């Protein structure tokens, strides 16, 4: 990874956010893909933005993992939920790989197949699922409990690979039945 200046990184973050916003707001697969389920008003873009900004605050993760991670998290639902079929030109092979590995057709498929993925993908999925729990008031009890169980399994894996990250603390704090 090349050394990035603060200005270069800030420009990259803004460009990545603009790409993600355009995909989710202007090119969704369905109208429901533009909003969060809990109120059907909050723009969907809050979810990937929260995930991406939160990983950037993980000071104990290596810089290269945080930088690849924020971009993978910004883009992680684009292929699933929008008509966009390609990530922006210049997206690294690592980020493209992570996005592809995070893309599933259903929550059931995800729960069954996630465990064969790289440890980085499981780390990124913990941000995704924790964010879903934060505004998961829309979930029926059965779905909530499935999300909690899955998130706690991810938490154990991430903690064993990366230690007591902020996302581990957040997930443990909210993942209760």
N, C-alpha and C. Protein backbone atom coordinates (compact mmCIF):
# COMPACT_ATOMS: atom_id res chain seq x y z
N UNK A 1 0.84 -1.18 0.00
CA UNK A 1 0.00 0.00 0.00
C UNK A 1 0.88 1.24 0.00
N UNK A 2 0.56 2.15 -0.86
CA UNK A 2 1.33 3.39 -0.91
C UNK A 2 0.99 4.26 0.29
N UNK A 3 1.94 5.10 0.68
CA UNK A 3 1.65 6.04 1.76
C UNK A 3 0.73 7.13 1.22
N UNK A 4 -0.35 7.35 1.91
CA UNK A 4 -1.32 8.35 1.49
C UNK A 4 -1.24 9.54 2.42
N UNK A 5 -1.28 10.71 1.82
CA UNK A 5 -1.36 11.91 2.65
C UNK A 5 -2.78 12.02 3.19
N UNK A 6 -2.94 12.82 4.20
CA UNK A 6 -4.28 13.04 4.75
C UNK A 6 -5.20 13.59 3.68
N UNK A 7 -4.72 14.50 2.87
CA UNK A 7 -5.54 15.08 1.81
C UNK A 7 -5.93 14.03 0.77
N UNK A 8 -4.97 13.20 0.38
CA UNK A 8 -5.26 12.14 -0.59
C UNK A 8 -6.29 11.17 -0.04
N UNK A 9 -6.13 10.78 1.21
CA UNK A 9 -7.08 9.85 1.83
C UNK A 9 -8.46 10.50 1.94
N UNK A 10 -8.51 11.75 2.34
CA UNK A 10 -9.81 12.44 2.45
C UNK A 10 -10.50 12.51 1.10
N UNK A 11 -9.75 12.82 0.04
CA UNK A 11 -10.33 12.85 -1.31
C UNK A 11 -10.84 11.48 -1.71
N UNK A 12 -10.07 10.43 -1.40
CA UNK A 12 -10.48 9.06 -1.72
C UNK A 12 -11.76 8.69 -0.98
N UNK A 13 -11.83 9.04 0.29
CA UNK A 13 -13.03 8.76 1.09
C UNK A 13 -14.23 9.47 0.47
N UNK A 14 -14.09 10.75 0.16
CA UNK A 14 -15.21 11.50 -0.43
C UNK A 14 -15.65 10.93 -1.77
N UNK A 15 -14.69 10.57 -2.62
CA UNK A 15 -15.03 9.98 -3.92
C UNK A 15 -15.73 8.63 -3.75
N UNK A 16 -15.25 7.83 -2.79
CA UNK A 16 -15.87 6.53 -2.53
C UNK A 16 -17.30 6.71 -2.00
N UNK A 17 -17.48 7.67 -1.11
CA UNK A 17 -18.82 7.95 -0.59
C UNK A 17 -19.73 8.42 -1.72
N UNK A 18 -19.24 9.29 -2.57
CA UNK A 18 -20.07 9.77 -3.69
C UNK A 18 -20.49 8.62 -4.61
N UNK A 19 -19.58 7.69 -4.88
CA UNK A 19 -19.91 6.54 -5.70
C UNK A 19 -21.00 5.70 -5.03
N UNK A 20 -20.82 5.45 -3.74
CA UNK A 20 -21.78 4.65 -2.98
C UNK A 20 -23.14 5.33 -2.93
N UNK A 21 -23.17 6.63 -2.67
CA UNK A 21 -24.43 7.37 -2.62
C UNK A 21 -25.14 7.29 -3.97
N UNK A 22 -24.42 7.53 -5.04
CA UNK A 22 -25.02 7.46 -6.37
C UNK A 22 -25.62 6.08 -6.62
N UNK A 23 -24.90 5.04 -6.25
CA UNK A 23 -25.39 3.68 -6.49
C UNK A 23 -26.68 3.41 -5.71
N UNK A 24 -26.68 3.73 -4.43
CA UNK A 24 -27.83 3.39 -3.58
C UNK A 24 -29.03 4.31 -3.77
N UNK A 25 -28.79 5.57 -4.07
CA UNK A 25 -29.90 6.52 -4.19
C UNK A 25 -30.43 6.60 -5.62
N UNK A 26 -29.55 6.54 -6.60
CA UNK A 26 -29.97 6.76 -7.98
C UNK A 26 -30.06 5.49 -8.83
N UNK A 27 -29.52 4.36 -8.31
CA UNK A 27 -29.54 3.13 -9.10
C UNK A 27 -29.93 1.90 -8.28
N UNK A 28 -30.90 2.01 -7.39
CA UNK A 28 -31.28 0.86 -6.57
C UNK A 28 -31.98 -0.21 -7.42
N UNK A 29 -31.88 -1.46 -6.97
CA UNK A 29 -32.63 -2.52 -7.65
C UNK A 29 -34.13 -2.32 -7.44
N UNK A 30 -34.50 -1.94 -6.23
CA UNK A 30 -35.91 -1.64 -5.93
C UNK A 30 -35.95 -0.38 -5.09
N UNK A 31 -37.10 0.24 -5.02
CA UNK A 31 -37.25 1.47 -4.24
C UNK A 31 -36.93 1.24 -2.75
N UNK A 32 -37.26 0.06 -2.22
CA UNK A 32 -36.99 -0.22 -0.81
C UNK A 32 -35.50 -0.29 -0.51
N UNK A 33 -34.68 -0.46 -1.55
CA UNK A 33 -33.23 -0.51 -1.35
C UNK A 33 -32.61 0.86 -1.11
N UNK A 34 -33.42 1.91 -1.13
CA UNK A 34 -32.89 3.26 -0.90
C UNK A 34 -33.00 3.71 0.55
N UNK A 35 -33.75 2.94 1.38
CA UNK A 35 -34.01 3.36 2.76
C UNK A 35 -33.75 2.21 3.73
N UNK A 36 -33.60 2.58 5.01
CA UNK A 36 -33.47 1.59 6.08
C UNK A 36 -34.86 1.08 6.44
N UNK A 37 -34.94 -0.19 6.81
CA UNK A 37 -36.23 -0.83 7.09
C UNK A 37 -36.96 -0.23 8.28
N UNK A 38 -36.24 0.20 9.28
CA UNK A 38 -36.90 0.57 10.54
C UNK A 38 -37.86 1.73 10.40
N UNK A 39 -37.59 2.67 9.50
CA UNK A 39 -38.53 3.78 9.34
C UNK A 39 -38.91 4.06 7.89
N UNK A 40 -38.31 3.32 6.97
CA UNK A 40 -38.56 3.51 5.53
C UNK A 40 -38.39 4.96 5.09
N UNK A 41 -37.50 5.69 5.79
CA UNK A 41 -37.22 7.07 5.45
C UNK A 41 -35.72 7.38 5.50
N UNK A 42 -35.05 6.86 6.53
CA UNK A 42 -33.62 7.11 6.67
C UNK A 42 -32.89 6.55 5.44
N UNK A 43 -32.08 7.36 4.77
CA UNK A 43 -31.39 6.87 3.58
C UNK A 43 -30.52 5.65 3.89
N UNK A 44 -30.56 4.68 3.00
CA UNK A 44 -29.78 3.46 3.16
C UNK A 44 -28.31 3.75 3.36
N UNK A 45 -27.84 4.82 2.75
CA UNK A 45 -26.42 5.15 2.77
C UNK A 45 -25.86 5.34 4.18
N UNK A 46 -26.73 5.54 5.17
CA UNK A 46 -26.27 5.66 6.56
C UNK A 46 -25.56 4.38 6.99
N UNK A 47 -26.08 3.23 6.56
CA UNK A 47 -25.52 1.93 6.96
C UNK A 47 -24.08 1.73 6.48
N UNK A 48 -23.80 1.78 5.17
CA UNK A 48 -22.40 1.57 4.76
C UNK A 48 -21.47 2.68 5.25
N UNK A 49 -22.00 3.89 5.38
CA UNK A 49 -21.17 4.98 5.88
C UNK A 49 -20.77 4.72 7.33
N UNK A 50 -21.73 4.31 8.17
CA UNK A 50 -21.42 3.99 9.57
C UNK A 50 -20.36 2.90 9.64
N UNK A 51 -20.55 1.83 8.87
CA UNK A 51 -19.60 0.72 8.88
C UNK A 51 -18.19 1.20 8.50
N UNK A 52 -18.12 1.97 7.43
CA UNK A 52 -16.82 2.43 6.92
C UNK A 52 -16.13 3.39 7.88
N UNK A 53 -16.86 4.32 8.43
CA UNK A 53 -16.25 5.29 9.33
C UNK A 53 -15.84 4.62 10.65
N UNK A 54 -16.59 3.62 11.08
CA UNK A 54 -16.28 2.95 12.33
C UNK A 54 -14.99 2.15 12.22
N UNK A 55 -14.76 1.47 11.10
CA UNK A 55 -13.50 0.72 10.97
C UNK A 55 -12.31 1.67 10.91
N UNK A 56 -12.50 2.86 10.37
CA UNK A 56 -11.39 3.81 10.33
C UNK A 56 -10.97 4.27 11.73
N UNK A 57 -11.83 4.07 12.73
CA UNK A 57 -11.48 4.47 14.10
C UNK A 57 -10.83 3.34 14.90
N UNK A 58 -10.61 2.20 14.28
CA UNK A 58 -9.99 1.06 14.96
C UNK A 58 -8.47 1.24 14.96
N UNK A 59 -7.97 1.92 15.95
CA UNK A 59 -6.56 2.30 15.98
C UNK A 59 -5.60 1.13 16.14
N UNK A 60 -6.10 -0.02 16.57
CA UNK A 60 -5.19 -1.17 16.73
C UNK A 60 -5.10 -2.03 15.46
N UNK A 61 -5.95 -1.78 14.49
CA UNK A 61 -5.84 -2.50 13.22
C UNK A 61 -4.76 -1.87 12.36
N UNK A 62 -4.06 -2.67 11.55
CA UNK A 62 -3.07 -2.10 10.63
C UNK A 62 -3.73 -1.11 9.66
N UNK A 63 -2.99 -0.08 9.34
CA UNK A 63 -3.50 0.96 8.45
C UNK A 63 -4.03 0.39 7.14
N UNK A 64 -3.30 -0.53 6.54
CA UNK A 64 -3.74 -1.08 5.24
C UNK A 64 -5.07 -1.81 5.37
N UNK A 65 -5.31 -2.50 6.47
CA UNK A 65 -6.57 -3.20 6.69
C UNK A 65 -7.71 -2.20 6.92
N UNK A 66 -7.44 -1.14 7.66
CA UNK A 66 -8.46 -0.10 7.87
C UNK A 66 -8.83 0.56 6.55
N UNK A 67 -7.83 0.85 5.71
CA UNK A 67 -8.10 1.54 4.45
C UNK A 67 -8.82 0.65 3.45
N UNK A 68 -8.38 -0.60 3.32
CA UNK A 68 -9.13 -1.53 2.46
C UNK A 68 -10.51 -1.78 3.04
N UNK A 69 -10.58 -1.88 4.37
CA UNK A 69 -11.84 -2.19 5.04
C UNK A 69 -12.88 -1.10 4.88
N UNK A 70 -12.48 0.16 5.03
CA UNK A 70 -13.49 1.22 4.91
C UNK A 70 -14.10 1.20 3.51
N UNK A 71 -13.26 0.98 2.50
CA UNK A 71 -13.78 1.02 1.14
C UNK A 71 -14.64 -0.21 0.85
N UNK A 72 -14.21 -1.37 1.32
CA UNK A 72 -15.02 -2.58 1.15
C UNK A 72 -16.38 -2.40 1.85
N UNK A 73 -16.37 -1.79 3.02
CA UNK A 73 -17.63 -1.58 3.75
C UNK A 73 -18.51 -0.54 3.08
N UNK A 74 -17.93 0.49 2.50
CA UNK A 74 -18.74 1.46 1.74
C UNK A 74 -19.41 0.79 0.55
N UNK A 75 -18.71 -0.14 -0.08
CA UNK A 75 -19.20 -0.75 -1.32
C UNK A 75 -19.89 -2.10 -1.12
N UNK A 76 -19.94 -2.61 0.11
CA UNK A 76 -20.32 -4.01 0.32
C UNK A 76 -21.72 -4.38 -0.12
N UNK A 77 -22.65 -3.47 -0.19
CA UNK A 77 -24.02 -3.79 -0.60
C UNK A 77 -24.36 -3.31 -2.01
N UNK A 78 -23.41 -2.75 -2.70
CA UNK A 78 -23.69 -2.20 -4.03
C UNK A 78 -24.09 -3.30 -5.01
N UNK A 79 -23.34 -4.39 -5.05
CA UNK A 79 -23.65 -5.46 -6.00
C UNK A 79 -24.98 -6.14 -5.63
N UNK A 80 -25.24 -6.29 -4.32
CA UNK A 80 -26.48 -6.92 -3.86
C UNK A 80 -27.72 -6.07 -4.12
N UNK A 81 -27.62 -4.76 -3.88
CA UNK A 81 -28.82 -3.93 -3.76
C UNK A 81 -28.98 -2.85 -4.82
N UNK A 82 -28.06 -2.77 -5.78
CA UNK A 82 -28.18 -1.73 -6.80
C UNK A 82 -28.01 -2.35 -8.19
N UNK A 83 -28.25 -1.53 -9.18
CA UNK A 83 -28.07 -1.97 -10.57
C UNK A 83 -26.61 -1.81 -11.02
N UNK A 84 -25.77 -1.26 -10.16
CA UNK A 84 -24.35 -1.10 -10.48
C UNK A 84 -23.69 -2.47 -10.45
N UNK A 85 -22.94 -2.78 -11.49
CA UNK A 85 -22.32 -4.11 -11.58
C UNK A 85 -20.81 -4.09 -11.40
N UNK A 86 -20.22 -2.88 -11.38
CA UNK A 86 -18.77 -2.78 -11.24
C UNK A 86 -18.42 -1.70 -10.22
N UNK A 87 -17.38 -1.94 -9.49
CA UNK A 87 -16.88 -0.93 -8.55
C UNK A 87 -16.11 0.12 -9.34
N UNK A 88 -15.83 1.27 -8.72
CA UNK A 88 -15.19 2.35 -9.47
C UNK A 88 -13.82 1.95 -10.03
N UNK A 89 -13.47 2.52 -11.16
CA UNK A 89 -12.13 2.33 -11.71
C UNK A 89 -11.11 2.69 -10.64
N UNK A 90 -10.07 1.90 -10.57
CA UNK A 90 -9.01 2.16 -9.59
C UNK A 90 -9.23 1.47 -8.26
N UNK A 91 -10.39 0.80 -8.08
CA UNK A 91 -10.60 0.06 -6.84
C UNK A 91 -9.59 -1.08 -6.80
N UNK A 92 -8.94 -1.24 -5.67
CA UNK A 92 -7.88 -2.24 -5.56
C UNK A 92 -8.45 -3.66 -5.70
N UNK A 93 -7.58 -4.57 -6.08
CA UNK A 93 -7.97 -5.98 -6.18
C UNK A 93 -8.43 -6.50 -4.83
N UNK A 94 -7.78 -6.06 -3.76
CA UNK A 94 -8.15 -6.52 -2.42
C UNK A 94 -9.57 -6.09 -2.07
N UNK A 95 -9.90 -4.83 -2.31
CA UNK A 95 -11.25 -4.32 -2.00
C UNK A 95 -12.28 -5.04 -2.86
N UNK A 96 -12.00 -5.22 -4.12
CA UNK A 96 -12.92 -5.94 -5.01
C UNK A 96 -13.14 -7.36 -4.49
N UNK A 97 -12.08 -8.02 -4.09
CA UNK A 97 -12.18 -9.37 -3.52
C UNK A 97 -13.07 -9.37 -2.28
N UNK A 98 -12.82 -8.44 -1.37
CA UNK A 98 -13.61 -8.38 -0.14
C UNK A 98 -15.09 -8.15 -0.43
N UNK A 99 -15.39 -7.23 -1.33
CA UNK A 99 -16.79 -6.96 -1.68
C UNK A 99 -17.44 -8.20 -2.26
N UNK A 100 -16.75 -8.87 -3.16
CA UNK A 100 -17.31 -10.09 -3.75
C UNK A 100 -17.54 -11.16 -2.70
N UNK A 101 -16.63 -11.28 -1.76
CA UNK A 101 -16.75 -12.28 -0.70
C UNK A 101 -17.84 -11.94 0.31
N UNK A 102 -18.21 -10.67 0.40
CA UNK A 102 -19.25 -10.23 1.33
C UNK A 102 -20.65 -10.24 0.69
N UNK A 103 -20.72 -10.56 -0.58
CA UNK A 103 -21.97 -10.51 -1.32
C UNK A 103 -22.66 -11.87 -1.30
N UNK A 104 -23.91 -11.86 -0.81
CA UNK A 104 -24.72 -13.08 -0.72
C UNK A 104 -26.12 -12.79 -1.24
N UNK A 105 -26.82 -13.86 -1.60
CA UNK A 105 -28.19 -13.73 -2.09
C UNK A 105 -29.21 -13.65 -0.97
N UNK A 106 -28.84 -14.11 0.22
CA UNK A 106 -29.78 -14.10 1.34
C UNK A 106 -29.00 -14.20 2.65
N UNK A 107 -29.69 -13.86 3.74
CA UNK A 107 -29.11 -13.99 5.07
C UNK A 107 -28.83 -15.47 5.38
N UNK A 108 -29.68 -16.36 4.91
CA UNK A 108 -29.47 -17.80 5.12
C UNK A 108 -28.19 -18.24 4.43
N UNK A 109 -28.01 -17.85 3.18
CA UNK A 109 -26.78 -18.19 2.45
C UNK A 109 -25.56 -17.62 3.15
N UNK A 110 -25.68 -16.40 3.61
CA UNK A 110 -24.57 -15.75 4.31
C UNK A 110 -24.17 -16.54 5.55
N UNK A 111 -25.14 -16.90 6.38
CA UNK A 111 -24.84 -17.63 7.62
C UNK A 111 -24.21 -18.99 7.33
N UNK A 112 -24.61 -19.61 6.24
CA UNK A 112 -24.07 -20.93 5.90
C UNK A 112 -22.67 -20.86 5.31
N UNK A 113 -22.37 -19.81 4.55
CA UNK A 113 -21.14 -19.77 3.76
C UNK A 113 -20.06 -18.83 4.28
N UNK A 114 -20.36 -18.01 5.25
CA UNK A 114 -19.40 -17.00 5.71
C UNK A 114 -18.15 -17.62 6.32
N UNK A 115 -18.29 -18.78 6.94
CA UNK A 115 -17.19 -19.34 7.74
C UNK A 115 -16.04 -19.85 6.89
N UNK A 116 -16.24 -19.97 5.58
CA UNK A 116 -15.15 -20.38 4.69
C UNK A 116 -14.39 -19.17 4.13
N UNK A 117 -14.79 -17.99 4.52
CA UNK A 117 -14.19 -16.75 3.99
C UNK A 117 -12.95 -16.36 4.80
N UNK A 118 -12.15 -15.47 4.23
CA UNK A 118 -10.97 -14.93 4.90
C UNK A 118 -11.36 -14.26 6.21
N UNK A 119 -10.42 -14.22 7.14
CA UNK A 119 -10.70 -13.60 8.44
C UNK A 119 -11.03 -12.12 8.29
N UNK A 120 -10.50 -11.46 7.26
CA UNK A 120 -10.81 -10.06 7.02
C UNK A 120 -12.29 -9.88 6.66
N UNK A 121 -12.83 -10.81 5.89
CA UNK A 121 -14.23 -10.74 5.50
C UNK A 121 -15.12 -10.90 6.73
N UNK A 122 -14.75 -11.79 7.63
CA UNK A 122 -15.52 -11.96 8.87
C UNK A 122 -15.44 -10.69 9.71
N UNK A 123 -14.28 -10.05 9.74
CA UNK A 123 -14.14 -8.77 10.44
C UNK A 123 -15.10 -7.75 9.85
N UNK A 124 -15.11 -7.61 8.54
CA UNK A 124 -15.96 -6.61 7.89
C UNK A 124 -17.44 -6.94 8.10
N UNK A 125 -17.78 -8.22 8.07
CA UNK A 125 -19.17 -8.62 8.30
C UNK A 125 -19.62 -8.27 9.71
N UNK A 126 -18.70 -8.25 10.67
CA UNK A 126 -19.09 -7.86 12.02
C UNK A 126 -19.55 -6.40 12.05
N UNK A 127 -18.91 -5.54 11.31
CA UNK A 127 -19.37 -4.15 11.21
C UNK A 127 -20.76 -4.10 10.58
N UNK A 128 -20.96 -4.86 9.52
CA UNK A 128 -22.23 -4.91 8.81
C UNK A 128 -23.35 -5.36 9.73
N UNK A 129 -23.16 -6.46 10.41
CA UNK A 129 -24.22 -7.02 11.26
C UNK A 129 -24.45 -6.17 12.51
N UNK A 130 -23.41 -5.59 13.06
CA UNK A 130 -23.59 -4.71 14.21
C UNK A 130 -24.42 -3.50 13.83
N UNK A 131 -24.14 -2.93 12.68
CA UNK A 131 -24.94 -1.80 12.21
C UNK A 131 -26.39 -2.21 12.02
N UNK A 132 -26.62 -3.40 11.49
CA UNK A 132 -28.00 -3.87 11.31
C UNK A 132 -28.72 -4.00 12.65
N UNK A 133 -28.01 -4.44 13.67
CA UNK A 133 -28.63 -4.56 14.99
C UNK A 133 -28.92 -3.18 15.59
N UNK A 134 -28.10 -2.20 15.29
CA UNK A 134 -28.31 -0.87 15.86
C UNK A 134 -29.67 -0.29 15.49
N UNK A 135 -30.13 -0.58 14.27
CA UNK A 135 -31.46 -0.09 13.89
C UNK A 135 -32.40 -1.24 13.55
N UNK A 136 -32.21 -2.35 14.24
CA UNK A 136 -32.97 -3.56 13.95
C UNK A 136 -34.32 -3.66 14.62
N UNK A 137 -34.90 -2.54 15.01
CA UNK A 137 -36.21 -2.57 15.68
C UNK A 137 -37.30 -3.13 14.77
N UNK A 138 -37.05 -3.17 13.48
CA UNK A 138 -38.02 -3.70 12.53
C UNK A 138 -38.10 -5.23 12.55
N UNK A 139 -37.08 -5.86 13.13
CA UNK A 139 -36.99 -7.32 13.07
C UNK A 139 -37.98 -7.98 14.04
N UNK A 140 -38.63 -9.03 13.56
CA UNK A 140 -39.43 -9.88 14.42
C UNK A 140 -38.47 -10.62 15.35
N UNK A 141 -38.97 -11.16 16.45
CA UNK A 141 -38.12 -11.80 17.46
C UNK A 141 -37.24 -12.90 16.87
N UNK A 142 -37.79 -13.74 16.02
CA UNK A 142 -37.01 -14.84 15.43
C UNK A 142 -35.82 -14.30 14.62
N UNK A 143 -36.08 -13.32 13.78
CA UNK A 143 -35.02 -12.72 12.95
C UNK A 143 -33.99 -12.03 13.84
N UNK A 144 -34.44 -11.28 14.83
CA UNK A 144 -33.53 -10.61 15.77
C UNK A 144 -32.61 -11.64 16.42
N UNK A 145 -33.18 -12.72 16.90
CA UNK A 145 -32.39 -13.75 17.57
C UNK A 145 -31.37 -14.40 16.63
N UNK A 146 -31.75 -14.59 15.37
CA UNK A 146 -30.81 -15.11 14.38
C UNK A 146 -29.66 -14.13 14.17
N UNK A 147 -29.98 -12.85 14.06
CA UNK A 147 -28.95 -11.82 13.90
C UNK A 147 -28.04 -11.77 15.12
N UNK A 148 -28.62 -11.84 16.31
CA UNK A 148 -27.82 -11.82 17.53
C UNK A 148 -26.88 -13.01 17.56
N UNK A 149 -27.39 -14.21 17.31
CA UNK A 149 -26.55 -15.41 17.33
C UNK A 149 -25.40 -15.29 16.32
N UNK A 150 -25.74 -14.87 15.11
CA UNK A 150 -24.74 -14.74 14.06
C UNK A 150 -23.70 -13.68 14.42
N UNK A 151 -24.16 -12.56 14.93
CA UNK A 151 -23.25 -11.48 15.30
C UNK A 151 -22.32 -11.91 16.43
N UNK A 152 -22.84 -12.63 17.39
CA UNK A 152 -21.99 -13.10 18.50
C UNK A 152 -20.97 -14.12 18.01
N UNK A 153 -21.33 -14.96 17.04
CA UNK A 153 -20.35 -15.88 16.47
C UNK A 153 -19.25 -15.10 15.74
N UNK A 154 -19.67 -14.09 14.98
CA UNK A 154 -18.66 -13.24 14.32
C UNK A 154 -17.77 -12.56 15.34
N UNK A 155 -18.38 -12.09 16.43
CA UNK A 155 -17.63 -11.40 17.48
C UNK A 155 -16.55 -12.30 18.06
N UNK A 156 -16.90 -13.54 18.35
CA UNK A 156 -15.90 -14.48 18.88
C UNK A 156 -14.76 -14.67 17.91
N UNK A 157 -15.09 -14.85 16.63
CA UNK A 157 -14.05 -15.04 15.62
C UNK A 157 -13.16 -13.82 15.52
N UNK A 158 -13.77 -12.65 15.43
CA UNK A 158 -13.00 -11.41 15.30
C UNK A 158 -12.13 -11.17 16.52
N UNK A 159 -12.67 -11.39 17.69
CA UNK A 159 -11.89 -11.18 18.91
C UNK A 159 -10.69 -12.13 18.96
N UNK A 160 -10.88 -13.37 18.53
CA UNK A 160 -9.76 -14.32 18.56
C UNK A 160 -8.69 -13.95 17.54
N UNK A 161 -9.07 -13.29 16.45
CA UNK A 161 -8.10 -12.90 15.42
C UNK A 161 -7.52 -11.51 15.60
N UNK A 162 -8.29 -10.58 16.18
CA UNK A 162 -7.88 -9.18 16.22
C UNK A 162 -7.85 -8.56 17.61
N UNK A 163 -8.34 -9.27 18.61
CA UNK A 163 -8.36 -8.72 19.96
C UNK A 163 -9.64 -7.96 20.25
N UNK A 164 -9.58 -7.17 21.31
CA UNK A 164 -10.76 -6.45 21.82
C UNK A 164 -10.93 -5.13 21.08
N UNK A 165 -11.40 -5.21 19.84
CA UNK A 165 -11.64 -4.02 19.03
C UNK A 165 -12.88 -3.27 19.52
N UNK A 166 -13.00 -2.03 19.11
CA UNK A 166 -14.20 -1.26 19.43
C UNK A 166 -15.45 -1.95 18.91
N UNK A 167 -15.38 -2.51 17.70
CA UNK A 167 -16.57 -3.16 17.13
C UNK A 167 -16.97 -4.37 17.95
N UNK A 168 -16.02 -5.05 18.56
CA UNK A 168 -16.33 -6.19 19.44
C UNK A 168 -17.10 -5.69 20.65
N UNK A 169 -16.64 -4.60 21.23
CA UNK A 169 -17.31 -4.03 22.41
C UNK A 169 -18.73 -3.56 22.06
N UNK A 170 -18.87 -2.91 20.92
CA UNK A 170 -20.19 -2.43 20.49
C UNK A 170 -21.13 -3.61 20.26
N UNK A 171 -20.63 -4.61 19.53
CA UNK A 171 -21.48 -5.78 19.22
C UNK A 171 -21.92 -6.48 20.50
N UNK A 172 -20.99 -6.70 21.40
CA UNK A 172 -21.34 -7.36 22.67
C UNK A 172 -22.34 -6.53 23.46
N UNK A 173 -22.25 -5.23 23.35
CA UNK A 173 -23.14 -4.36 24.10
C UNK A 173 -24.58 -4.37 23.61
N UNK A 174 -24.78 -4.69 22.33
CA UNK A 174 -26.14 -4.63 21.79
C UNK A 174 -26.72 -5.99 21.40
N UNK A 175 -25.89 -7.00 21.27
CA UNK A 175 -26.36 -8.32 20.81
C UNK A 175 -26.91 -9.14 21.96
N UNK A 176 -28.14 -8.81 22.35
CA UNK A 176 -28.81 -9.53 23.45
C UNK A 176 -30.18 -9.95 23.00
N UNK A 177 -30.60 -11.10 23.50
CA UNK A 177 -31.95 -11.60 23.20
C UNK A 177 -32.92 -11.10 24.24
